Protein backbone atom coordinates (compact mmCIF):
# COMPACT_ATOMS: atom_id res chain seq x y z
CA UNK A 1 0.00 0.00 0.00
CA UNK A 2 1.31 3.43 -0.96
CA UNK A 3 -0.07 6.97 -0.95
CA UNK A 4 0.88 10.52 -1.78
CA UNK A 5 -0.51 13.90 -0.78
CA UNK A 6 -1.80 16.42 -3.32
CA UNK A 7 -3.41 19.82 -2.89
CA UNK A 8 -6.84 18.17 -3.17
CA UNK A 9 -6.30 15.16 -0.95
CA UNK A 10 -4.58 11.83 -0.43
CA UNK A 11 -4.19 9.44 -3.36
CA UNK A 12 -3.84 5.75 -2.52
CA UNK A 13 -2.33 3.45 -5.12
CA UNK A 14 -0.85 -0.01 -5.55
CA UNK A 15 2.21 -0.62 -7.69
CA UNK A 16 3.78 -3.80 -8.99
CA UNK A 17 6.33 -4.92 -11.55
CA UNK A 18 9.29 -3.37 -13.31
CA UNK A 19 9.72 -1.61 -16.63
CA UNK A 20 7.82 1.13 -18.43
CA UNK A 21 4.96 2.64 -16.36
CA UNK A 22 1.29 1.84 -17.01
CA UNK A 23 -1.60 3.45 -15.11
CA UNK A 24 -4.87 1.60 -14.40
CA UNK A 25 -8.01 3.53 -13.47
CA UNK A 26 -11.15 1.97 -11.97
CA UNK A 27 -14.81 2.78 -12.58
CA UNK A 28 -17.68 4.14 -10.49
CA UNK A 29 -18.16 2.44 -7.10
CA UNK A 30 -14.89 0.55 -7.71
CA UNK A 31 -11.31 0.68 -6.47
CA UNK A 32 -7.83 -0.43 -7.44
CA UNK A 33 -8.83 -3.98 -6.44
CA UNK A 34 -10.60 -4.41 -9.79
CA UNK A 35 -7.13 -4.69 -11.33
CA UNK A 36 -5.67 -7.16 -8.82
CA UNK A 37 -5.32 -10.00 -11.35
CA UNK A 38 -4.44 -7.72 -14.26
CA UNK A 39 -1.48 -6.09 -12.53
CA UNK A 40 -0.10 -9.52 -11.70
CA UNK A 41 -0.01 -10.28 -15.44
CA UNK A 42 1.09 -6.88 -16.74
CA UNK A 43 3.66 -6.57 -13.95
CA UNK A 44 5.79 -9.16 -15.72
CA UNK A 45 6.57 -6.59 -18.41
CA UNK A 46 5.58 -3.19 -16.98
CA UNK A 47 5.61 -1.11 -13.81
CA UNK A 48 1.89 -0.94 -13.03
CA UNK A 49 0.14 1.71 -10.95
CA UNK A 50 -3.48 1.08 -9.93
CA UNK A 51 -4.97 4.28 -8.50
CA UNK A 52 -7.97 4.94 -6.26
CA UNK A 53 -9.94 8.05 -7.24
CA UNK A 54 -10.84 10.53 -4.50
CA UNK A 55 -13.76 9.16 -2.48
CA UNK A 56 -13.16 5.55 -3.53
CA UNK A 57 -10.98 2.85 -2.05
CA UNK A 58 -8.42 4.40 0.28
CA UNK A 59 -8.17 7.82 -1.41
CA UNK A 60 -9.76 10.82 0.28
CA UNK A 61 -10.64 14.26 -1.08
CA UNK A 62 -11.03 17.44 0.93
CA UNK A 63 -14.39 18.58 -0.46
CA UNK A 64 -17.37 17.37 -2.46
CA UNK A 65 -15.99 19.13 -5.53
CA UNK A 66 -13.03 16.72 -5.53
CA UNK A 67 -15.35 13.88 -6.57
CA UNK A 68 -16.15 15.35 -9.98
CA UNK A 69 -14.89 13.55 -13.08
CA UNK A 70 -12.95 16.58 -14.33
CA UNK A 71 -11.05 16.65 -11.04
CA UNK A 72 -10.17 12.98 -11.43
CA UNK A 73 -8.39 13.99 -14.62
CA UNK A 74 -6.29 16.44 -12.60
CA UNK A 75 -5.74 13.75 -9.96
CA UNK A 76 -4.09 11.57 -12.60
CA UNK A 77 -2.02 14.49 -13.87
CA UNK A 78 -0.80 15.39 -10.37
CA UNK A 79 -0.12 11.75 -9.58
CA UNK A 80 2.12 11.40 -12.61
CA UNK A 81 3.83 14.70 -11.93
CA UNK A 82 4.62 13.89 -8.29
CA UNK A 83 5.98 10.43 -9.10
CA UNK A 84 8.05 11.74 -11.98
CA UNK A 85 6.16 9.73 -14.60
CA UNK A 86 6.83 11.74 -17.75
CA UNK A 87 4.27 9.89 -19.87
CA UNK A 88 2.52 6.54 -19.81
CA UNK A 89 -0.29 4.44 -21.28
CA UNK A 90 -3.61 4.80 -19.45
CA UNK A 91 -6.03 1.89 -19.04
CA UNK A 92 -9.44 2.83 -17.70
CA UNK A 93 -12.56 0.86 -16.89
CA UNK A 94 -15.95 2.57 -17.26
CA UNK A 95 -15.58 6.03 -15.63
CA UNK A 96 -11.82 5.44 -15.54
CA UNK A 97 -11.81 5.14 -19.33
CA UNK A 98 -13.65 8.44 -19.66
CA UNK A 99 -10.96 9.98 -17.44
CA UNK A 100 -8.25 8.38 -19.60
CA UNK A 101 -9.66 9.87 -22.81
CA UNK A 102 -10.01 13.23 -21.09
CA UNK A 103 -6.35 13.06 -20.07
CA UNK A 104 -5.38 12.45 -23.72
CA UNK A 105 -7.41 15.53 -24.66
CA UNK A 106 -6.34 17.90 -21.87
CA UNK A 107 -2.80 16.66 -21.24
CA UNK A 108 -1.68 14.90 -24.44
CA UNK A 109 1.99 15.26 -23.51
CA UNK A 110 1.46 12.84 -20.61
CA UNK A 111 -0.30 10.05 -22.53
CA UNK A 112 1.35 7.40 -24.72
CA UNK A 113 -1.70 5.21 -25.36
CA UNK A 114 -5.28 4.91 -24.15
CA UNK A 115 -7.37 1.80 -23.52
CA UNK A 116 -11.00 2.19 -22.46
CA UNK A 117 -13.01 -0.75 -21.14
CA UNK A 118 -16.81 -0.48 -21.23
CA UNK A 119 -16.49 3.29 -20.98
CA UNK A 120 -19.18 5.89 -21.67
CA UNK A 121 -18.29 8.51 -24.26
CA UNK A 122 -21.63 10.20 -23.66
CA UNK A 123 -23.46 10.21 -20.35
CA UNK A 124 -26.75 9.19 -21.93
CA UNK A 125 -25.26 5.74 -22.54
CA UNK A 126 -25.49 4.93 -18.82
CA UNK A 127 -28.31 2.68 -17.71
CA UNK A 128 -31.30 4.21 -15.94
CA UNK A 129 -30.14 3.32 -12.42
CA UNK A 130 -26.85 5.16 -12.88
CA UNK A 131 -28.59 8.18 -14.41
CA UNK A 132 -30.92 8.37 -11.41
CA UNK A 133 -27.99 8.01 -9.00
CA UNK A 134 -26.51 11.18 -10.47
CA UNK A 135 -29.47 13.23 -9.27
CA UNK A 136 -28.63 14.67 -5.80
CA UNK A 137 -32.19 14.29 -4.49
CA UNK A 138 -32.42 10.69 -5.66
CA UNK A 139 -28.93 9.91 -4.39
CA UNK A 140 -29.81 11.17 -0.92
CA UNK A 141 -32.93 8.99 -0.93
CA UNK A 142 -30.78 6.01 -1.86
CA UNK A 143 -28.31 6.91 0.87
CA UNK A 144 -31.00 7.35 3.53
CA UNK A 145 -31.37 3.56 3.51
CA UNK A 146 -27.74 2.44 3.06
CA UNK A 147 -28.43 -1.14 4.07
CA UNK A 148 -31.13 -1.54 1.41
CA UNK A 149 -28.97 0.24 -1.17
CA UNK A 150 -26.02 -2.02 -0.54
CA UNK A 151 -28.24 -5.09 -0.52
CA UNK A 152 -29.76 -4.06 -3.85
CA UNK A 153 -26.35 -3.36 -5.45
CA UNK A 154 -24.95 -6.64 -4.18
CA UNK A 155 -27.89 -8.48 -5.72
CA UNK A 156 -27.68 -6.48 -8.95
CA UNK A 157 -23.97 -7.24 -9.15
CA UNK A 158 -24.83 -10.88 -9.89
CA UNK A 159 -26.09 -9.66 -13.27
CA UNK A 160 -22.94 -7.65 -14.04
CA UNK A 161 -20.42 -10.48 -14.39
CA UNK A 162 -20.32 -14.20 -15.01
CA UNK A 163 -18.92 -14.83 -11.54
CA UNK A 164 -21.72 -13.13 -9.65
CA UNK A 165 -20.44 -14.17 -6.25
CA UNK A 166 -17.00 -12.65 -6.84
CA UNK A 167 -18.57 -9.48 -8.24
CA UNK A 168 -20.89 -9.23 -5.25
CA UNK A 169 -18.03 -9.56 -2.76
CA UNK A 170 -16.04 -6.91 -4.58
CA UNK A 171 -19.05 -4.58 -4.72
CA UNK A 172 -19.74 -5.01 -0.99
CA UNK A 173 -16.16 -4.18 -0.09
CA UNK A 174 -15.91 -1.15 -2.37
CA UNK A 175 -19.31 0.21 -1.28
CA UNK A 176 -18.17 0.17 2.35
CA UNK A 177 -15.47 2.73 1.52
CA UNK A 178 -17.44 5.45 -0.26
CA UNK A 179 -19.46 8.45 0.94
CA UNK A 180 -22.71 9.99 -0.27
CA UNK A 181 -20.80 12.85 -1.92
CA UNK A 182 -18.47 10.61 -3.89
CA UNK A 183 -21.48 8.42 -4.73
CA UNK A 184 -23.53 11.06 -6.52
CA UNK A 185 -20.99 13.76 -7.47
CA UNK A 186 -18.92 11.38 -9.58
CA UNK A 187 -21.82 9.75 -11.37
CA UNK A 188 -23.62 13.09 -11.66
CA UNK A 189 -20.77 14.64 -13.63
CA UNK A 190 -20.29 11.44 -15.64
CA UNK A 191 -23.97 11.61 -16.61
CA UNK A 192 -23.35 15.10 -18.03
CA UNK A 193 -20.28 14.04 -20.02
CA UNK A 194 -20.14 14.27 -23.81
CA UNK A 195 -16.66 13.80 -25.26
CA UNK A 196 -17.78 13.57 -28.87
CA UNK A 197 -16.83 17.15 -29.88
CA UNK A 198 -13.31 16.61 -28.50
CA UNK A 199 -12.48 13.08 -29.61
CA UNK A 200 -10.65 14.22 -32.74
CA UNK A 201 -8.00 15.69 -30.40
CA UNK A 202 -7.03 12.19 -29.26
CA UNK A 203 -3.95 11.48 -31.36
CA UNK A 204 -2.44 8.50 -29.52
CA UNK A 205 -3.07 4.79 -30.23
CA UNK A 206 -6.44 3.92 -28.72
CA UNK A 207 -8.12 0.63 -27.89
CA UNK A 208 -11.76 0.21 -26.95
CA UNK A 209 -12.84 -3.02 -25.24
CA UNK A 210 -16.61 -3.55 -25.04
CA UNK A 211 -18.72 -6.50 -23.94
CA UNK A 212 -21.91 -7.32 -25.81
CA UNK A 213 -23.67 -8.24 -22.54
CA UNK A 214 -22.91 -4.93 -20.79
CA UNK A 215 -25.95 -3.79 -18.79
CA UNK A 216 -24.24 -0.75 -17.25
CA UNK A 217 -23.01 1.18 -20.31
CA UNK A 218 -24.56 0.74 -23.74
CA UNK A 219 -21.93 -1.29 -25.64
CA UNK A 220 -22.74 0.67 -28.79
CA UNK A 221 -20.44 3.33 -27.34
CA UNK A 222 -17.72 1.45 -29.21
CA UNK A 223 -19.18 2.92 -32.42
CA UNK A 224 -19.07 6.41 -30.95
CA UNK A 225 -15.43 5.93 -29.97
CA UNK A 226 -14.48 4.63 -33.40
CA UNK A 227 -16.27 7.46 -35.17
CA UNK A 228 -14.53 10.13 -33.07
CA UNK A 229 -11.06 8.57 -32.79
CA UNK A 230 -10.22 7.40 -36.28
CA UNK A 231 -7.17 5.37 -35.24
CA UNK A 232 -9.08 3.55 -32.49
CA UNK A 233 -9.13 -0.24 -32.55
CA UNK A 234 -12.18 -2.01 -31.14
CA UNK A 235 -12.09 -5.38 -29.40
CA UNK A 236 -15.59 -6.84 -29.21
CA UNK A 237 -16.31 -9.41 -26.49
CA UNK A 238 -19.54 -11.28 -27.30
CA UNK A 239 -19.39 -13.36 -24.10
CA UNK A 240 -18.56 -10.54 -21.66
CA UNK A 241 -20.47 -7.81 -19.89
CA UNK A 242 -19.28 -4.65 -18.15
CA UNK A 243 -16.32 -6.44 -16.58
CA UNK A 244 -14.44 -8.35 -19.31
CA UNK A 245 -11.38 -8.56 -17.04
CA UNK A 246 -13.50 -10.84 -14.84
CA UNK A 247 -15.62 -12.56 -17.50
CA UNK A 248 -12.85 -13.46 -19.96
CA UNK A 249 -9.58 -12.73 -18.12
CA UNK A 250 -7.22 -14.69 -20.40
CA UNK A 251 -8.33 -12.92 -23.56
CA UNK A 252 -8.54 -9.57 -21.78
CA UNK A 253 -5.03 -9.69 -20.33
CA UNK A 254 -3.51 -10.88 -23.60
CA UNK A 255 -5.41 -8.12 -25.40
CA UNK A 256 -3.86 -5.52 -23.09
CA UNK A 257 -0.35 -6.94 -23.32
CA UNK A 258 -0.45 -6.98 -27.12
CA UNK A 259 -1.73 -3.39 -27.23
CA UNK A 260 0.84 -2.13 -24.72
CA UNK A 261 3.77 -3.90 -26.38
CA UNK A 262 2.96 -2.67 -29.88
CA UNK A 263 5.11 0.24 -31.02
CA UNK A 264 3.33 3.52 -30.30
CA UNK A 265 2.79 5.79 -33.28
CA UNK A 266 0.71 8.92 -33.48
CA UNK A 267 -2.29 9.21 -35.79
């Protein structure tokens, strides 16, 4: 376990392996633990850094504003700056992928490659439950009965991945570490996101991984990514949902290794 202090709060991260740096960013309600198996594989060839966003896992922000998606972009920038990481590939799941693309747009000098996994390019691609969670009034209603909320999410998690029991355990652990502000501020700003007008600014090699059975983010977002980022490659997973790293880990990890090891060229 490692952490560093920034002007906005404390960033917790896990690191493993040796070689060129690679950053892994989790999604909404998640933590670095999503990448536990992936960093064990990638760590054979790369120095991996799995980061917790403010308000998730072990990272803590100083105010509710710190839990906005645009501030997670600055979290990644400050993290790289403080650790002396000049540039690196970014791998992001769901919200983490949206942050990764935003980094490539706002701080292109820091990004070598981008991989997004089941990530929304537009907020309207989120399922209805996530859209409702982004409304402060609705979020506070959810949070007024935390036991029922957590019970519902644990049950719903069985539909998110093939190994429903593993997904449920992970969801229960990650939910125990978040606050009401991080719950609705992050998803609220993600719901308002629309990267389409800016995607042409992404000039680095880009990979989109989407599962056909995704019930969290409309998997047709792969078409939006491809239309906006002309050099983007799409890997389609017909037997996976929102968590292909859990549903089809062998293919997923090999997919990432191949993408990361390929020579980086700009579009």
